Amino acid sequence: MSSVRRTLYPGRLYLLRDEFNDDRAVNTINGTPAVPGPGTRLVTDTNGKIGIVAGLLNFATGAAINDGMWWSLPVFARLNGQVQGWRVFPSDTNGIINVGLDANTSGAITDCLVFAAAGALQVIANGGTAVAVGVYTATAYEVKAVMRASGIYWLIKGGAFTMWTLLRPTSLGTAAGYAAVSAGSGTSVFTADYDRGPAHIFLIPALAHDTFTRANGAIGNTEPAGPDSQGAPILAWTGATWTILTNQAINTPTLPTTGGPLNDGELLTDPGLEANYIAGLCNSLDANGAPTVAQSADVHGGAKAQQFTATAANDRLAHFITNPIVGGWYRLSVWSKRSAGGNGTTAVRFVHTAGSVDVIKLVTGANYAQFVATLRAITVSGIIVYPAYELGIAFDTIISDDDSIKIFTLSELIASLQDVATPNVVIDATLAAYTEGTQIGIVARLDSAAAPANFIIAYQDDANVKIDECVAGVYTNLATVASAFAASDVLRLDLSSANYRLYKVTSAGVATLISASTTNVLTGNLHGLFSTYSANTFSKVTVMQKAGYSIPE
């Protein structure tokens, strides 16, 4: 993969280089020059456990936590593409090793890759909480930290990582940094072979990057520059229903106009509630409890609407459809308004009776508003639309009209990039806005934009983040984790062979691991976006290759 390399200091290969070619006993290293240099060592060694022997920096068991070596000259100014590299040899997977760039020259390292206990690899960004990024064994590893204007790209090579592999991009921290390596526990036993800071920059290449900053209209192509101003290929988006609106990407999937009982695309037989009303109830609706009902001329469309006032909690009106298509994506809709009262406990409710969906939307406005939910049917158990549902014991009067249940065309829910030549990627999608009861997120390893049958989707779904795989049209939920939406959340899907890691990153740059496991979808070089509703919007997407980087020394 091509990269961007530029010499910072002509005729100079390194800003810092320490190969540890000078044997030094414990408590004699502090203040000595790096060998062959340049660089100056600073050592904190409370218990006398750090020495240099046979070309290796050696940490023996019993070192105090956060004791280690820092290099005070040079301090690496914050520069996009500045590289710092180490090679370490864990003697086991029980101790803790920290390598990174520190804002200071003692104590916990501000930005670091952690070889943690029990073989866990973690990244700490800007002094925050450690986030799991992989696993390691007791073998040699090379590590590279590539500075960004804000944050760091962390890469590793060694053990199961046979090529330079992107572990995690972070976006926090803009300070200069001192190269450092330290013990993270009293049982840390390891050696380090080198610490090198080349005098050139290396910009991590992007496979695709888009901030959607262009004129309203067709979604078009990705941008020619990546997130760190590196070059990026211009790739075409698929998706005829996807557009740009005010520098954000949105999807407005079309709804069918054929099929269904009346061959109009509608799955309800009387969506407009225009059938006969008997004792005030439209005979295309079912009533539960003892609500007060009446035909209303205050309509959204047509000539009739349904008025509802409960007399007890859980009074309700309902539409049912049975035997939905398993795996089908459905849109449910009701137009409703409040005509009397101010209690705020009367709602529109959408339920998939298999228990996969239960969306409640309170009706509080005096004007008609559309209430929408979207869902994937997971069994042949029915789908229920409640155009009126009482949740409380103080009752409002609402009027509902123009109810709807329709099925989407799956391909219209996806916008994919043209082939990026690898299924192993790290995808970031920034979710600018989200509507409760719908879905928004990432699609990866898609086999076909026109006829999708095999792919992975990771998405926000109400107060949960989910990841599903689809194999030959059959969905399996891989994880559902409680995680409420906040504006400008980033979903990050990290794919490496059969392994996946799904993260959520807040707008403040704080990452949380949502799920890590395996998938059966191993191929597919199409990646992109997924959305079921037009009010959901994206402000950015970046696709990076997972492994195979060529990083110059």
Protein backbone atom coordinates (compact mmCIF):
# COMPACT_ATOMS: atom_id res chain seq x y z
CA MET A 1 0.00 0.00 0.00
CA SER A 2 1.43 3.38 -0.92
CA SER A 3 2.29 5.90 1.76
CA VAL A 4 3.42 9.47 2.05
CA ARG A 5 7.00 9.97 3.24
CA ARG A 6 8.85 13.26 3.58
CA THR A 7 12.28 13.96 5.08
CA LEU A 8 12.13 16.44 7.92
CA TYR A 9 15.85 16.95 8.30
CA PRO A 10 17.90 16.34 5.10
CA GLY A 11 20.99 14.23 5.76
CA ARG A 12 19.70 13.07 9.15
CA LEU A 13 18.13 9.61 9.50
CA TYR A 14 16.89 9.77 13.08
CA LEU A 15 15.72 12.24 15.67
CA LEU A 16 16.08 9.53 18.31
CA ARG A 17 17.87 6.21 18.09
CA ASP A 18 18.79 3.86 20.91
CA GLU A 19 20.01 0.35 20.08
CA PHE A 20 21.25 -0.27 23.66
CA ASN A 21 24.76 -1.20 22.49
CA ASP A 22 26.37 -0.13 25.78
CA ASP A 23 26.09 -2.53 28.72
CA ARG A 24 25.10 -0.67 31.88
CA ALA A 25 24.33 -1.99 35.33
CA VAL A 26 21.18 -1.09 37.21
CA ASN A 27 21.12 2.45 38.65
CA THR A 28 23.82 3.64 36.20
CA ILE A 29 21.70 4.47 33.13
CA ASN A 30 20.00 7.75 34.05
CA GLY A 31 21.41 10.69 32.10
CA THR A 32 23.46 8.59 29.67
CA PRO A 33 23.27 9.17 25.92
CA ALA A 34 21.34 6.88 23.65
CA VAL A 35 23.62 4.63 21.62
CA PRO A 36 24.36 5.31 18.80
CA GLY A 37 22.13 8.36 19.32
CA PRO A 38 20.86 10.95 19.13
CA GLY A 39 18.91 11.04 22.40
CA THR A 40 19.35 11.24 26.17
CA ARG A 41 18.02 8.67 28.62
CA LEU A 42 16.09 9.44 31.78
CA VAL A 43 15.40 6.48 34.07
CA THR A 44 13.20 6.01 37.12
CA ASP A 45 14.20 2.72 38.79
CA THR A 46 12.95 2.63 42.36
CA ASN A 47 13.86 -1.01 43.00
CA GLY A 48 17.00 -1.37 40.88
CA LYS A 49 15.48 -3.61 38.19
CA ILE A 50 16.39 -1.86 34.90
CA GLY A 51 19.71 -2.55 33.16
CA ILE A 52 21.27 -2.83 29.70
CA VAL A 53 22.78 -6.22 28.90
CA ALA A 54 23.99 -7.64 25.56
CA GLY A 55 22.26 -5.00 23.47
CA LEU A 56 18.92 -5.21 25.29
CA LEU A 57 17.15 -2.95 27.74
CA ASN A 58 16.24 -5.39 30.50
CA PHE A 59 13.38 -5.14 33.02
CA ALA A 60 13.65 -7.76 35.78
CA THR A 61 10.77 -8.83 37.99
CA GLY A 62 10.06 -6.56 40.93
CA ALA A 63 10.19 -3.19 39.18
CA ALA A 64 7.94 -0.55 40.69
CA ILE A 65 4.80 0.24 38.69
CA ASN A 66 5.47 2.96 36.09
CA ASP A 67 9.23 2.79 36.54
CA GLY A 68 10.91 2.93 33.17
CA MET A 69 12.99 4.84 30.64
CA TRP A 70 12.17 8.11 28.91
CA TRP A 71 14.23 9.88 26.29
CA SER A 72 14.43 13.59 27.13
CA LEU A 73 16.13 14.67 23.94
CA PRO A 74 14.42 15.05 21.66
CA VAL A 75 10.85 15.71 22.69
CA PHE A 76 8.73 14.90 19.66
CA ALA A 77 6.73 17.94 18.64
CA ARG A 78 3.16 17.19 17.61
CA LEU A 79 3.49 16.60 13.88
CA ASN A 80 1.15 14.76 11.57
CA GLY A 81 3.02 11.61 10.47
CA GLN A 82 5.86 11.66 13.01
CA VAL A 83 6.81 8.02 13.74
CA GLN A 84 8.18 6.50 16.92
CA GLY A 85 9.05 2.78 17.05
CA TRP A 86 10.03 0.12 19.59
CA ARG A 87 10.71 -3.59 19.66
CA VAL A 88 9.88 -5.46 22.88
CA PHE A 89 10.10 -9.08 24.02
CA PRO A 90 7.57 -10.07 26.70
CA SER A 91 8.87 -13.06 28.65
CA ASP A 92 5.30 -14.06 29.51
CA THR A 93 1.74 -12.73 29.33
CA ASN A 94 1.35 -12.05 33.04
CA GLY A 95 3.26 -8.81 33.49
CA ILE A 96 2.44 -5.44 31.96
CA ILE A 97 4.55 -3.50 29.45
CA ASN A 98 3.84 0.08 28.38
CA VAL A 99 5.38 1.69 25.31
CA GLY A 100 4.39 5.08 24.03
CA LEU A 101 4.69 8.85 24.03
CA ASP A 102 4.42 10.71 27.31
CA ALA A 103 3.65 14.33 28.12
CA ASN A 104 6.12 14.01 31.03
CA THR A 105 9.29 12.06 31.88
CA SER A 106 7.96 10.00 34.79
CA GLY A 107 4.78 8.28 35.93
CA ALA A 108 2.06 6.75 33.77
CA ILE A 109 2.66 7.15 30.02
CA THR A 110 0.05 9.48 28.50
CA ASP A 111 -0.41 7.65 25.17
CA CYS A 112 0.66 4.05 25.10
CA LEU A 113 0.20 0.54 23.82
CA VAL A 114 -0.13 -1.80 26.78
CA PHE A 115 0.91 -5.43 26.77
CA ALA A 116 -1.47 -6.13 29.64
CA ALA A 117 -2.04 -9.11 31.93
CA ALA A 118 -3.61 -12.29 30.55
CA GLY A 119 -2.27 -11.57 27.07
CA ALA A 120 -4.48 -8.56 26.37
CA LEU A 121 -3.33 -5.73 24.11
CA GLN A 122 -4.74 -2.35 25.06
CA VAL A 123 -4.40 1.27 23.97
CA ILE A 124 -4.53 4.24 26.33
CA ALA A 125 -5.30 7.54 24.61
CA ASN A 126 -4.35 10.85 26.22
CA GLY A 127 -4.27 9.37 29.74
CA GLY A 128 -7.75 7.86 29.47
CA THR A 129 -9.12 4.39 30.05
CA ALA A 130 -7.40 1.40 28.46
CA VAL A 131 -9.35 -0.09 25.54
CA ALA A 132 -8.79 -3.67 24.36
CA VAL A 133 -7.44 -3.94 20.80
CA GLY A 134 -6.13 -7.51 20.52
CA VAL A 135 -4.07 -10.26 22.15
CA TYR A 136 -0.38 -11.12 22.36
CA THR A 137 1.90 -14.00 23.31
CA ALA A 138 5.42 -14.22 24.72
CA THR A 139 7.30 -13.35 21.52
CA ALA A 140 8.93 -10.32 19.90
CA TYR A 141 6.78 -7.40 18.74
CA GLU A 142 7.56 -4.21 16.89
CA VAL A 143 5.34 -1.25 17.68
CA LYS A 144 4.85 2.01 15.79
CA ALA A 145 3.12 5.14 17.06
CA VAL A 146 2.30 7.49 14.17
CA MET A 147 1.28 10.93 15.36
CA ARG A 148 -1.82 12.68 14.05
CA ALA A 149 -2.60 16.35 14.52
CA SER A 150 -4.87 15.03 17.28
CA GLY A 151 -4.33 11.44 18.36
CA ILE A 152 -2.13 8.54 17.26
CA TYR A 153 -2.27 5.57 14.92
CA TRP A 154 -1.05 2.45 16.73
CA LEU A 155 0.44 -0.36 14.63
CA ILE A 156 2.06 -3.68 15.53
CA LYS A 157 4.03 -6.46 13.88
CA GLY A 158 5.03 -9.80 15.40
CA GLY A 159 3.48 -13.04 16.61
CA ALA A 160 0.13 -13.54 14.88
CA PHE A 161 0.50 -10.06 13.33
CA THR A 162 2.62 -11.16 10.39
CA MET A 163 2.30 -7.75 8.68
CA TRP A 164 2.13 -4.23 10.03
CA THR A 165 -1.39 -4.12 11.46
CA LEU A 166 -3.48 -1.14 12.53
CA LEU A 167 -4.62 -1.73 16.11
CA ARG A 168 -6.40 1.52 16.79
CA PRO A 169 -6.55 5.10 15.57
CA THR A 170 -7.08 7.54 18.44
CA SER A 171 -8.21 11.13 18.11
CA LEU A 172 -7.30 12.61 21.50
CA GLY A 173 -4.18 14.53 22.47
CA THR A 174 -2.30 17.32 20.72
CA ALA A 175 0.75 17.68 22.98
CA ALA A 176 4.38 16.91 22.19
CA GLY A 177 5.63 13.57 23.49
CA TYR A 178 8.67 11.93 25.04
CA ALA A 179 9.35 8.37 23.86
CA ALA A 180 9.00 5.99 26.81
CA VAL A 181 8.89 2.35 27.90
CA SER A 182 7.87 1.26 31.39
CA ALA A 183 6.76 -1.57 33.65
CA GLY A 184 3.06 -1.63 34.39
CA SER A 185 3.24 -4.15 37.24
CA GLY A 186 5.67 -5.62 39.74
CA THR A 187 5.79 -8.86 37.76
CA SER A 188 6.75 -7.29 34.42
CA VAL A 189 9.67 -9.18 32.87
CA PHE A 190 10.72 -8.10 29.40
CA THR A 191 13.43 -6.69 27.20
CA ALA A 192 13.50 -3.99 24.56
CA ASP A 193 15.71 -4.15 21.48
CA TYR A 194 15.47 -0.58 20.19
CA ASP A 195 13.72 2.78 20.35
CA ARG A 196 13.80 4.75 17.08
CA GLY A 197 12.32 8.03 15.93
CA PRO A 198 13.01 8.50 12.21
CA ALA A 199 13.59 11.97 10.79
CA HIS A 200 10.85 11.58 8.20
CA ILE A 201 7.09 11.51 8.34
CA PHE A 202 4.82 8.65 7.33
CA LEU A 203 1.15 9.31 6.66
CA ILE A 204 -1.04 6.24 7.11
CA PRO A 205 -2.88 5.78 3.79
CA ALA A 206 -6.68 5.70 3.69
CA LEU A 207 -8.71 3.43 1.44
CA ALA A 208 -11.56 5.95 1.41
CA HIS A 209 -12.62 9.09 3.22
CA ASP A 210 -15.69 11.27 2.91
CA THR A 211 -17.03 14.22 4.90
CA PHE A 212 -19.88 14.76 2.38
CA THR A 213 -18.88 18.41 2.05
CA ARG A 214 -20.37 19.16 -1.33
CA ALA A 215 -23.50 20.37 -3.05
CA ASN A 216 -26.88 18.84 -2.28
CA GLY A 217 -27.88 16.03 -4.61
CA ALA A 218 -26.61 12.59 -5.54
CA ILE A 219 -24.16 11.07 -3.07
CA GLY A 220 -21.41 11.05 -5.71
CA ASN A 221 -17.79 10.16 -4.89
CA THR A 222 -15.49 10.13 -1.90
CA GLU A 223 -12.88 12.85 -1.37
CA PRO A 224 -9.27 12.86 -2.64
CA ALA A 225 -7.75 13.45 0.82
CA GLY A 226 -7.88 11.28 3.92
CA PRO A 227 -8.57 12.31 7.53
CA ASP A 228 -4.96 13.45 8.05
CA SER A 229 -4.60 15.20 4.68
CA GLN A 230 -2.97 12.14 3.13
CA GLY A 231 -3.97 11.17 -0.38
CA ALA A 232 -6.95 8.86 -0.79
CA PRO A 233 -8.51 7.29 -3.87
CA ILE A 234 -11.70 8.82 -5.23
CA LEU A 235 -14.33 6.08 -5.09
CA ALA A 236 -17.91 6.08 -6.35
CA TRP A 237 -20.78 5.43 -3.98
CA THR A 238 -23.64 3.14 -4.96
CA GLY A 239 -27.19 3.75 -3.77
CA ALA A 240 -29.75 5.60 -5.86
CA THR A 241 -31.76 6.56 -2.76
CA TRP A 242 -28.75 8.08 -1.00
CA THR A 243 -28.11 11.81 -1.29
CA ILE A 244 -26.20 14.73 0.17
CA LEU A 245 -28.20 17.27 2.17
CA THR A 246 -26.47 20.14 3.96
CA ASN A 247 -23.09 18.36 3.99
CA GLN A 248 -24.47 15.13 5.39
CA ALA A 249 -25.35 11.80 3.79
CA ILE A 250 -28.94 10.61 4.09
CA ASN A 251 -30.96 7.70 2.77
CA THR A 252 -34.58 8.01 1.67
CA PRO A 253 -35.49 4.44 0.68
CA THR A 254 -38.44 4.13 -1.66
CA LEU A 255 -41.54 2.25 -0.58
CA PRO A 256 -43.20 -0.38 -2.76
CA THR A 257 -46.22 0.52 -4.88
CA THR A 258 -47.18 -3.04 -5.78
CA GLY A 259 -47.78 -6.18 -3.78
CA GLY A 260 -49.84 -6.64 -0.65
CA PRO A 261 -53.56 -7.43 -0.40
CA LEU A 262 -54.57 -4.49 -2.62
CA ASN A 263 -51.47 -4.64 -4.86
CA ASP A 264 -50.49 -1.12 -3.79
CA GLY A 265 -47.43 -2.10 -1.74
CA GLU A 266 -49.36 -1.69 1.50
CA LEU A 267 -49.63 -4.70 3.81
CA LEU A 268 -52.65 -3.32 5.67
CA THR A 269 -56.05 -3.76 4.04
CA ASP A 270 -57.35 -0.41 5.27
CA PRO A 271 -54.39 1.88 6.00
CA GLY A 272 -56.47 5.06 5.64
CA LEU A 273 -59.06 3.87 8.21
CA GLU A 274 -61.80 4.48 5.67
CA ALA A 275 -63.77 1.27 6.43
CA ASN A 276 -67.10 1.16 8.27
CA TYR A 277 -67.14 2.37 11.88
CA ILE A 278 -69.24 0.28 14.27
CA ALA A 279 -69.90 1.79 17.70
CA GLY A 280 -67.18 4.33 16.88
CA LEU A 281 -64.49 1.78 15.99
CA CYS A 282 -63.10 1.34 12.49
CA ASN A 283 -63.73 -2.32 11.70
CA SER A 284 -60.19 -2.75 10.33
CA LEU A 285 -58.85 -2.17 13.87
CA ASP A 286 -58.92 -4.41 16.94
CA ALA A 287 -59.66 -2.85 20.34
CA ASN A 288 -58.42 -4.12 23.68
CA GLY A 289 -59.84 -2.90 26.98
CA ALA A 290 -62.74 -0.48 27.04
CA PRO A 291 -61.59 2.73 25.35
CA THR A 292 -64.00 5.40 24.23
CA VAL A 293 -63.79 5.51 20.45
CA ALA A 294 -65.38 7.58 17.69
CA GLN A 295 -65.14 8.26 14.00
CA SER A 296 -63.52 11.64 13.42
CA ALA A 297 -63.68 14.06 10.51
CA ASP A 298 -60.39 15.63 11.68
CA VAL A 299 -58.34 13.70 9.16
CA HIS A 300 -54.81 13.57 7.86
CA GLY A 301 -56.05 12.14 4.57
CA GLY A 302 -59.27 10.73 3.17
CA ALA A 303 -62.58 11.28 4.92
CA LYS A 304 -62.31 9.36 8.19
CA ALA A 305 -59.97 9.06 11.16
CA GLN A 306 -60.04 7.16 14.46
CA GLN A 307 -60.53 9.00 17.75
CA PHE A 308 -59.43 7.27 20.97
CA THR A 309 -59.70 7.99 24.70
CA ALA A 310 -58.70 5.31 27.17
CA THR A 311 -60.58 4.44 30.32
CA ALA A 312 -57.78 2.35 31.82
CA ALA A 313 -54.06 1.73 31.38
CA ASN A 314 -53.20 -0.58 28.47
CA ASP A 315 -56.37 0.23 26.53
CA ARG A 316 -55.33 0.11 22.89
CA LEU A 317 -56.17 -0.20 19.21
CA ALA A 318 -54.20 -2.45 16.91
CA HIS A 319 -53.38 -3.58 13.37
CA PHE A 320 -51.78 -7.01 12.92
CA ILE A 321 -49.93 -8.64 10.08
CA THR A 322 -49.05 -12.30 10.39
CA ASN A 323 -46.23 -14.30 8.85
CA PRO A 324 -43.84 -11.48 7.97
CA ILE A 325 -40.89 -12.44 5.78
CA VAL A 326 -38.10 -13.48 8.14
CA GLY A 327 -35.13 -11.23 7.46
CA GLY A 328 -37.31 -8.62 5.75
CA TRP A 329 -36.89 -4.98 6.76
CA TYR A 330 -40.22 -3.24 7.41
CA ARG A 331 -41.34 0.35 7.84
CA LEU A 332 -44.25 0.99 10.23
CA SER A 333 -45.98 4.36 10.30
CA VAL A 334 -48.91 6.18 11.95
CA TRP A 335 -50.07 9.78 11.65
CA SER A 336 -51.49 11.00 14.96
CA LYS A 337 -52.33 14.09 17.01
CA ARG A 338 -53.61 14.93 20.49
CA SER A 339 -57.00 16.63 20.42
CA ALA A 340 -57.66 16.90 24.18
CA GLY A 341 -55.76 16.54 27.45
CA GLY A 342 -52.22 17.20 28.51
CA ASN A 343 -51.10 14.12 30.41
CA GLY A 344 -48.60 12.81 27.88
CA THR A 345 -49.14 9.10 28.46
CA THR A 346 -51.02 8.16 25.30
CA ALA A 347 -48.78 6.76 22.58
CA VAL A 348 -48.28 5.14 19.23
CA ARG A 349 -46.58 1.79 19.72
CA PHE A 350 -44.84 -0.62 17.33
CA VAL A 351 -44.17 -4.22 18.36
CA HIS A 352 -42.71 -7.31 16.74
CA THR A 353 -44.27 -10.08 18.79
CA ALA A 354 -41.07 -12.09 18.82
CA GLY A 355 -39.85 -9.45 21.26
CA SER A 356 -37.21 -7.94 19.00
CA VAL A 357 -38.90 -4.53 18.77
CA ASP A 358 -41.01 -2.47 21.13
CA VAL A 359 -40.99 1.21 20.16
CA ILE A 360 -43.16 3.67 22.07
CA LYS A 361 -43.71 7.23 20.83
CA LEU A 362 -45.82 9.60 22.91
CA VAL A 363 -48.45 11.69 21.12
CA THR A 364 -48.36 15.21 22.55
CA GLY A 365 -48.74 17.61 19.62
CA ALA A 366 -51.91 19.37 18.55
CA ASN A 367 -51.08 18.88 14.85
CA TYR A 368 -50.73 15.67 12.92
CA ALA A 369 -47.23 14.19 13.08
CA GLN A 370 -45.86 11.02 11.54
CA PHE A 371 -44.53 8.37 13.91
CA VAL A 372 -42.21 5.83 12.28
CA ALA A 373 -40.36 2.69 13.26
CA THR A 374 -38.32 0.28 11.16
CA LEU A 375 -37.42 -3.28 12.00
CA ARG A 376 -36.08 -6.57 10.73
CA ALA A 377 -38.50 -9.47 11.21
CA ILE A 378 -36.68 -12.22 13.09
CA THR A 379 -39.49 -14.82 13.17
CA VAL A 380 -42.86 -15.41 11.52
CA SER A 381 -44.51 -14.05 14.66
CA GLY A 382 -46.62 -11.06 13.77
CA ILE A 383 -45.94 -7.34 13.56
CA ILE A 384 -48.32 -5.08 15.47
CA VAL A 385 -48.98 -1.39 14.94
CA TYR A 386 -50.88 0.25 17.79
CA PRO A 387 -52.16 3.60 16.48
CA ALA A 388 -53.32 4.28 20.05
CA TYR A 389 -51.95 2.83 23.30
CA GLU A 390 -52.55 4.14 26.82
CA LEU A 391 -49.53 3.87 29.14
CA GLY A 392 -50.86 5.73 32.18
CA ILE A 393 -53.90 6.34 34.29
CA ALA A 394 -54.70 9.92 33.22
CA PHE A 395 -56.06 9.89 29.70
CA ASP A 396 -55.64 12.11 26.65
CA THR A 397 -57.74 11.99 23.52
CA ILE A 398 -55.79 11.29 20.33
CA ILE A 399 -56.79 10.93 16.68
CA SER A 400 -54.93 8.56 14.37
CA ASP A 401 -55.03 8.19 10.60
CA ASP A 402 -53.14 6.81 7.59
CA ASP A 403 -51.46 3.82 9.22
CA SER A 404 -48.95 1.81 7.19
CA ILE A 405 -46.81 -1.32 7.12
CA LYS A 406 -44.53 -1.76 4.10
CA ILE A 407 -41.43 -3.82 3.34
CA PHE A 408 -38.20 -2.26 2.10
CA THR A 409 -35.97 -3.38 -0.74
CA LEU A 410 -32.78 -4.37 1.10
CA SER A 411 -30.36 -2.96 -1.46
CA GLU A 412 -31.84 0.51 -0.94
CA LEU A 413 -30.82 0.49 2.73
CA ILE A 414 -27.13 0.29 1.79
CA ALA A 415 -24.65 2.71 0.25
CA SER A 416 -21.41 0.91 -0.60
CA LEU A 417 -18.11 2.03 -2.03
CA GLN A 418 -16.61 0.47 -5.10
CA ASP A 419 -14.27 -2.48 -4.45
CA VAL A 420 -11.40 -1.59 -2.08
CA ALA A 421 -9.65 -4.93 -2.72
CA THR A 422 -9.70 -6.20 0.86
CA PRO A 423 -12.27 -7.53 3.35
CA ASN A 424 -9.96 -6.65 6.26
CA VAL A 425 -10.65 -3.04 7.15
CA VAL A 426 -11.23 -0.56 9.94
CA ILE A 427 -14.35 1.51 9.21
CA ASP A 428 -15.37 4.64 11.09
CA ALA A 429 -18.81 6.16 10.49
CA THR A 430 -19.88 9.33 12.30
CA LEU A 431 -23.60 9.31 13.08
CA ALA A 432 -24.72 12.92 13.04
CA ALA A 433 -28.42 12.37 13.80
CA TYR A 434 -30.57 9.38 14.68
CA THR A 435 -34.32 8.77 15.06
CA GLU A 436 -35.55 6.42 17.79
CA GLY A 437 -37.05 3.22 16.45
CA THR A 438 -34.93 3.13 13.29
CA GLN A 439 -31.44 1.88 12.41
CA ILE A 440 -28.21 3.58 11.29
CA GLY A 441 -24.67 2.27 10.98
CA ILE A 442 -22.05 0.44 8.91
CA VAL A 443 -22.14 -2.30 6.30
CA ALA A 444 -19.01 -4.35 5.61
CA ARG A 445 -17.90 -7.32 3.52
CA LEU A 446 -20.86 -6.90 1.22
CA ASP A 447 -20.97 -9.37 -1.66
CA SER A 448 -23.21 -7.38 -4.02
CA ALA A 449 -24.63 -3.88 -3.97
CA ALA A 450 -27.51 -4.87 -6.25
CA ALA A 451 -28.42 -8.20 -4.62
CA PRO A 452 -26.95 -8.32 -1.10
CA ALA A 453 -26.91 -11.79 0.44
CA ASN A 454 -23.71 -11.89 2.51
CA PHE A 455 -22.52 -9.01 4.69
CA ILE A 456 -22.04 -7.63 8.20
CA ILE A 457 -24.00 -4.69 9.61
CA ALA A 458 -23.19 -2.80 12.82
CA TYR A 459 -25.79 -0.24 13.82
CA GLN A 460 -27.55 1.85 16.41
CA ASP A 461 -31.01 0.47 17.21
CA ASP A 462 -32.83 2.47 19.89
CA ALA A 463 -30.74 2.33 23.07
CA ASN A 464 -28.64 -0.57 21.78
CA VAL A 465 -25.76 -1.10 19.41
CA LYS A 466 -26.08 -4.32 17.41
CA ILE A 467 -23.93 -6.30 15.04
CA ASP A 468 -25.49 -8.86 12.69
CA GLU A 469 -24.07 -11.11 10.01
CA CYS A 470 -26.07 -12.21 6.98
CA VAL A 471 -25.02 -15.46 5.29
CA ALA A 472 -26.91 -16.47 2.15
CA GLY A 473 -29.75 -14.19 3.23
CA VAL A 474 -30.03 -15.60 6.76
CA TYR A 475 -29.31 -13.17 9.60
CA THR A 476 -27.61 -13.96 12.90
CA ASN A 477 -27.30 -11.38 15.64
CA LEU A 478 -23.70 -11.50 16.90
CA ALA A 479 -24.17 -9.03 19.76
CA THR A 480 -26.68 -6.59 21.23
CA VAL A 481 -25.21 -4.20 23.80
CA ALA A 482 -26.91 -1.36 25.65
CA SER A 483 -25.41 1.91 24.43
CA ALA A 484 -27.55 5.02 24.05
CA PHE A 485 -27.07 7.30 21.06
CA ALA A 486 -25.48 10.73 21.29
CA ALA A 487 -25.02 13.11 18.39
CA SER A 488 -21.78 12.57 16.45
CA ASP A 489 -21.08 9.15 17.94
CA VAL A 490 -18.70 7.11 15.82
CA LEU A 491 -19.24 3.43 15.17
CA ARG A 492 -15.94 1.69 14.42
CA LEU A 493 -15.87 -1.82 12.95
CA ASP A 494 -12.47 -3.52 12.95
CA LEU A 495 -12.29 -6.65 10.77
CA SER A 496 -9.36 -9.07 10.57
CA SER A 497 -10.05 -12.47 8.97
CA ALA A 498 -12.70 -14.17 11.15
CA ASN A 499 -12.26 -11.71 14.02
CA TYR A 500 -14.19 -8.51 14.55
CA ARG A 501 -14.13 -5.74 17.12
CA LEU A 502 -16.91 -3.19 17.33
CA TYR A 503 -16.35 0.10 19.15
CA LYS A 504 -18.33 3.22 19.87
CA VAL A 505 -16.35 6.47 20.07
CA THR A 506 -17.98 9.56 21.54
CA SER A 507 -17.73 13.00 19.97
CA ALA A 508 -15.12 13.69 22.67
CA GLY A 509 -12.98 10.83 21.31
CA VAL A 510 -13.55 8.36 24.16
CA ALA A 511 -13.76 4.79 22.84
CA THR A 512 -15.64 1.83 24.32
CA LEU A 513 -15.34 -1.75 23.08
CA ILE A 514 -18.90 -2.90 22.32
CA SER A 515 -18.23 -6.46 21.19
CA ALA A 516 -15.35 -8.69 20.10
CA SER A 517 -15.88 -12.14 18.59
CA THR A 518 -15.88 -13.96 15.26
CA THR A 519 -17.96 -13.89 12.09
CA ASN A 520 -18.69 -16.36 9.33
CA VAL A 521 -18.63 -13.62 6.69
CA LEU A 522 -14.99 -13.72 5.60
CA THR A 523 -15.05 -12.22 2.11
CA GLY A 524 -16.52 -9.20 0.37
CA ASN A 525 -14.64 -6.04 -0.53
CA LEU A 526 -17.61 -3.65 -0.53
CA HIS A 527 -18.01 -1.51 2.58
CA GLY A 528 -20.11 1.50 3.44
CA LEU A 529 -23.21 2.81 5.20
CA PHE A 530 -26.57 1.45 6.33
CA SER A 531 -29.72 3.42 7.19
CA THR A 532 -33.45 2.75 7.26
CA TYR A 533 -34.81 6.29 7.66
CA SER A 534 -34.41 9.66 6.00
CA ALA A 535 -33.94 11.63 9.24
CA ASN A 536 -30.82 9.61 10.09
CA THR A 537 -27.67 11.34 8.87
CA PHE A 538 -23.92 10.71 8.54
CA SER A 539 -21.27 13.42 8.66
CA LYS A 540 -18.14 11.36 7.97
CA VAL A 541 -16.86 7.92 6.99
CA THR A 542 -13.29 6.61 6.81
CA VAL A 543 -12.10 3.20 5.61
CA MET A 544 -8.56 2.07 6.44
CA GLN A 545 -6.89 -1.21 5.59
CA LYS A 546 -6.39 -3.41 8.64
CA ALA A 547 -2.98 -4.86 7.76
CA GLY A 548 -0.26 -4.85 5.12
CA TYR A 549 1.24 -1.41 5.67
CA SER A 550 4.75 -0.71 4.39
CA ILE A 551 6.32 1.54 7.02
CA PRO A 552 9.78 2.90 6.17
CA GLU A 553 12.42 2.77 8.90
